[in-house]
Amino acid sequence: MSDSVNTIEQRETWPAVWKGWRRKCPNCGTGPMMRGYLKVRDACPVCRQELHHHRADDGPAYLTILIVGHLMAPGLHIAFTTWRPEPLILFTIFAVLCVGLSLYLLPRLKGAMIAFQWARGLHGFSQTS
């Protein structure tokens, strides 16, 4: 029983997540994971690692909202209590910051989530492939 467990190759989780954050293949780290902004390739063009098994679904969007909200809410409070800017100026600045940060984080969190699934062998990513 323990021999069969030892024969399965263990994948390093954090290096894979870092590769996914950079939107690269979690296996080789050089091939692009995404075909577009959020569209995941069926397989890596470099090492042919299949990526179509992923089940990121709404996870990256929830994480993006969580991170952006936790960064912007205190910033909004500090900016309002410290400088008391006009409401329209405050809204404009924070709307641009929220949209920009969300657009930056969403594909990176999706890549990291897919790489995490790959490293742990979840949702069809077998440990032997």
C-alpha atoms as a PDB file:
ATOM      1  CA  MET A   1       0.000   0.000   0.000  1.00  0.00           C
ATOM      2  CA  SER A   2       2.727   2.483   0.916  1.00  0.00           C
ATOM      3  CA  ASP A   3       4.755   1.468  -2.179  1.00  0.00           C
ATOM      4  CA  SER A   4       1.939   2.556  -4.483  1.00  0.00           C
ATOM      5  CA  VAL A   5       1.717   5.895  -2.689  1.00  0.00           C
ATOM      6  CA  ASN A   6       5.474   6.457  -3.068  1.00  0.00           C
ATOM      7  CA  THR A   7       5.436   5.697  -6.804  1.00  0.00           C
ATOM      8  CA  ILE A   8       3.085   8.594  -7.504  1.00  0.00           C
ATOM      9  CA  GLU A   9       5.086  11.686  -8.386  1.00  0.00           C
ATOM     10  CA  GLN A  10       4.357  14.542  -6.000  1.00  0.00           C
ATOM     11  CA  ARG A  11       4.070  17.954  -7.597  1.00  0.00           C
ATOM     12  CA  GLU A  12       5.308  21.069  -5.831  1.00  0.00           C
ATOM     13  CA  THR A  13       2.313  23.310  -5.110  1.00  0.00           C
ATOM     14  CA  TRP A  14       3.825  26.779  -4.646  1.00  0.00           C
ATOM     15  CA  PRO A  15       6.124  26.741  -7.693  1.00  0.00           C
ATOM     16  CA  ALA A  16       3.139  25.635  -9.778  1.00  0.00           C
ATOM     17  CA  VAL A  17       0.934  28.381  -8.317  1.00  0.00           C
ATOM     18  CA  TRP A  18       3.647  30.959  -9.067  1.00  0.00           C
ATOM     19  CA  LYS A  19       3.820  29.732 -12.680  1.00  0.00           C
ATOM     20  CA  GLY A  20       0.032  29.980 -12.879  1.00  0.00           C
ATOM     21  CA  TRP A  21       0.129  33.515 -11.437  1.00  0.00           C
ATOM     22  CA  ARG A  22       2.440  34.416 -14.336  1.00  0.00           C
ATOM     23  CA  ARG A  23      -0.142  32.766 -16.654  1.00  0.00           C
ATOM     24  CA  LYS A  24       2.332  30.081 -17.712  1.00  0.00           C
ATOM     25  CA  CYS A  25       1.885  26.320 -17.906  1.00  0.00           C
ATOM     26  CA  PRO A  26       2.153  24.814 -14.396  1.00  0.00           C
ATOM     27  CA  ASN A  27       4.112  21.865 -15.774  1.00  0.00           C
ATOM     28  CA  CYS A  28       6.880  23.479 -17.837  1.00  0.00           C
ATOM     29  CA  GLY A  29       6.575  27.121 -16.811  1.00  0.00           C
ATOM     30  CA  THR A  30       7.314  28.412 -20.315  1.00  0.00           C
ATOM     31  CA  GLY A  31       4.209  27.805 -22.411  1.00  0.00           C
ATOM     32  CA  PRO A  32       1.318  30.284 -22.195  1.00  0.00           C
ATOM     33  CA  MET A  33      -1.685  28.993 -20.266  1.00  0.00           C
ATOM     34  CA  MET A  34      -4.150  31.494 -21.691  1.00  0.00           C
ATOM     35  CA  ARG A  35      -5.222  31.883 -25.296  1.00  0.00           C
ATOM     36  CA  GLY A  36      -6.892  35.222 -24.607  1.00  0.00           C
ATOM     37  CA  TYR A  37      -7.630  37.337 -21.569  1.00  0.00           C
ATOM     38  CA  LEU A  38      -9.376  34.522 -19.672  1.00  0.00           C
ATOM     39  CA  LYS A  39      -9.659  31.674 -22.194  1.00  0.00           C
ATOM     40  CA  VAL A  40      -7.536  28.703 -21.115  1.00  0.00           C
ATOM     41  CA  ARG A  41      -5.794  26.649 -23.792  1.00  0.00           C
ATOM     42  CA  ASP A  42      -6.755  22.997 -24.137  1.00  0.00           C
ATOM     43  CA  ALA A  43      -3.081  22.012 -23.870  1.00  0.00           C
ATOM     44  CA  CYS A  44       0.273  23.711 -23.405  1.00  0.00           C
ATOM     45  CA  PRO A  45       1.900  24.408 -26.802  1.00  0.00           C
ATOM     46  CA  VAL A  46       5.367  23.638 -25.358  1.00  0.00           C
ATOM     47  CA  CYS A  47       5.015  20.483 -23.229  1.00  0.00           C
ATOM     48  CA  ARG A  48       1.529  19.321 -24.329  1.00  0.00           C
ATOM     49  CA  GLN A  49       0.221  19.227 -20.749  1.00  0.00           C
ATOM     50  CA  GLU A  50      -3.572  19.047 -20.975  1.00  0.00           C
ATOM     51  CA  LEU A  51      -5.220  22.010 -19.277  1.00  0.00           C
ATOM     52  CA  HIS A  52      -8.848  21.512 -20.297  1.00  0.00           C
ATOM     53  CA  HIS A  53      -9.629  19.667 -17.041  1.00  0.00           C
ATOM     54  CA  HIS A  54      -9.645  22.849 -14.980  1.00  0.00           C
ATOM     55  CA  ARG A  55     -12.655  23.865 -12.924  1.00  0.00           C
ATOM     56  CA  ALA A  56     -11.844  27.451 -11.978  1.00  0.00           C
ATOM     57  CA  ASP A  57     -15.478  28.544 -12.505  1.00  0.00           C
ATOM     58  CA  ASP A  58     -16.286  31.563 -10.295  1.00  0.00           C
ATOM     59  CA  GLY A  59     -13.386  31.145  -7.859  1.00  0.00           C
ATOM     60  CA  PRO A  60     -11.078  33.741  -9.459  1.00  0.00           C
ATOM     61  CA  ALA A  61     -13.892  36.300  -9.594  1.00  0.00           C
ATOM     62  CA  TYR A  62     -14.708  35.778  -5.911  1.00  0.00           C
ATOM     63  CA  LEU A  63     -11.061  36.080  -4.932  1.00  0.00           C
ATOM     64  CA  THR A  64     -10.695  39.223  -7.046  1.00  0.00           C
ATOM     65  CA  ILE A  65     -13.693  40.839  -5.363  1.00  0.00           C
ATOM     66  CA  LEU A  66     -12.384  39.804  -1.943  1.00  0.00           C
ATOM     67  CA  ILE A  67      -8.907  41.256  -2.521  1.00  0.00           C
ATOM     68  CA  VAL A  68     -10.036  44.457  -4.247  1.00  0.00           C
ATOM     69  CA  GLY A  69     -12.686  45.090  -1.599  1.00  0.00           C
ATOM     70  CA  HIS A  70     -10.264  44.577   1.265  1.00  0.00           C
ATOM     71  CA  LEU A  71      -7.717  46.909  -0.317  1.00  0.00           C
ATOM     72  CA  MET A  72     -10.055  49.653  -1.511  1.00  0.00           C
ATOM     73  CA  ALA A  73     -12.420  49.944   1.470  1.00  0.00           C
ATOM     74  CA  PRO A  74      -9.737  51.057   3.962  1.00  0.00           C
ATOM     75  CA  GLY A  75      -8.149  53.228   1.279  1.00  0.00           C
ATOM     76  CA  LEU A  76     -11.469  54.928   0.650  1.00  0.00           C
ATOM     77  CA  HIS A  77     -11.965  55.528   4.359  1.00  0.00           C
ATOM     78  CA  ILE A  78      -8.444  56.915   4.827  1.00  0.00           C
ATOM     79  CA  ALA A  79      -8.690  59.173   1.761  1.00  0.00           C
ATOM     80  CA  PHE A  80     -12.071  60.519   2.846  1.00  0.00           C
ATOM     81  CA  THR A  81     -11.168  61.204   6.463  1.00  0.00           C
ATOM     82  CA  THR A  82      -7.715  62.646   5.689  1.00  0.00           C
ATOM     83  CA  TRP A  83      -8.299  64.898   2.660  1.00  0.00           C
ATOM     84  CA  ARG A  84     -12.106  65.265   2.346  1.00  0.00           C
ATOM     85  CA  PRO A  85     -12.077  65.443  -1.476  1.00  0.00           C
ATOM     86  CA  GLU A  86     -15.142  66.223  -3.537  1.00  0.00           C
ATOM     87  CA  PRO A  87     -17.373  63.157  -3.847  1.00  0.00           C
ATOM     88  CA  LEU A  88     -17.124  63.007  -7.642  1.00  0.00           C
ATOM     89  CA  ILE A  89     -13.339  63.152  -7.549  1.00  0.00           C
ATOM     90  CA  LEU A  90     -13.202  60.489  -4.829  1.00  0.00           C
ATOM     91  CA  PHE A  91     -15.569  58.256  -6.800  1.00  0.00           C
ATOM     92  CA  THR A  92     -13.615  58.702 -10.043  1.00  0.00           C
ATOM     93  CA  ILE A  93     -10.263  57.883  -8.483  1.00  0.00           C
ATOM     94  CA  PHE A  94     -11.494  54.800  -6.646  1.00  0.00           C
ATOM     95  CA  ALA A  95     -13.579  53.563  -9.583  1.00  0.00           C
ATOM     96  CA  VAL A  96     -10.511  53.656 -11.830  1.00  0.00           C
ATOM     97  CA  LEU A  97      -8.395  51.952  -9.139  1.00  0.00           C
ATOM     98  CA  CYS A  98     -11.004  49.223  -8.571  1.00  0.00           C
ATOM     99  CA  VAL A  99     -11.432  48.476 -12.272  1.00  0.00           C
ATOM    100  CA  GLY A 100      -7.692  48.536 -12.931  1.00  0.00           C
ATOM    101  CA  LEU A 101      -6.853  46.268 -10.007  1.00  0.00           C
ATOM    102  CA  SER A 102      -9.673  43.880 -10.917  1.00  0.00           C
ATOM    103  CA  LEU A 103      -8.502  43.628 -14.536  1.00  0.00           C
ATOM    104  CA  TYR A 104      -4.952  42.970 -13.339  1.00  0.00           C
ATOM    105  CA  LEU A 105      -5.850  40.329 -10.739  1.00  0.00           C
ATOM    106  CA  LEU A 106      -8.540  38.288 -12.506  1.00  0.00           C
ATOM    107  CA  PRO A 107      -6.420  36.406 -15.103  1.00  0.00           C
ATOM    108  CA  ARG A 108      -3.569  35.940 -12.621  1.00  0.00           C
ATOM    109  CA  LEU A 109      -5.841  34.465  -9.966  1.00  0.00           C
ATOM    110  CA  LYS A 110      -7.423  32.198 -12.583  1.00  0.00           C
ATOM    111  CA  GLY A 111      -3.985  30.957 -13.623  1.00  0.00           C
ATOM    112  CA  ALA A 112      -2.975  30.401 -10.003  1.00  0.00           C
ATOM    113  CA  MET A 113      -6.187  28.495  -9.281  1.00  0.00           C
ATOM    114  CA  ILE A 114      -5.734  26.224 -12.304  1.00  0.00           C
ATOM    115  CA  ALA A 115      -2.099  25.617 -11.361  1.00  0.00           C
ATOM    116  CA  PHE A 116      -3.165  24.725  -7.812  1.00  0.00           C
ATOM    117  CA  GLN A 117      -5.627  22.187  -9.197  1.00  0.00           C
ATOM    118  CA  TRP A 118      -2.898  20.776 -11.440  1.00  0.00           C
ATOM    119  CA  ALA A 119      -0.403  20.473  -8.569  1.00  0.00           C
ATOM    120  CA  ARG A 120      -2.881  18.703  -6.312  1.00  0.00           C
ATOM    121  CA  GLY A 121      -4.243  16.424  -9.058  1.00  0.00           C
ATOM    122  CA  LEU A 122      -7.794  17.764  -8.793  1.00  0.00           C
ATOM    123  CA  HIS A 123     -10.569  17.586 -11.407  1.00  0.00           C
ATOM    124  CA  GLY A 124      -8.949  15.211 -13.878  1.00  0.00           C
ATOM    125  CA  PHE A 125      -5.358  16.448 -13.533  1.00  0.00           C
ATOM    126  CA  SER A 126      -3.888  13.045 -12.725  1.00  0.00           C
ATOM    127  CA  GLN A 127      -0.578  12.907 -10.868  1.00  0.00           C
ATOM    128  CA  THR A 128       0.902  10.576 -13.486  1.00  0.00           C
ATOM    129  CA  SER A 129       0.418  12.814 -16.546  1.00  0.00           C
END
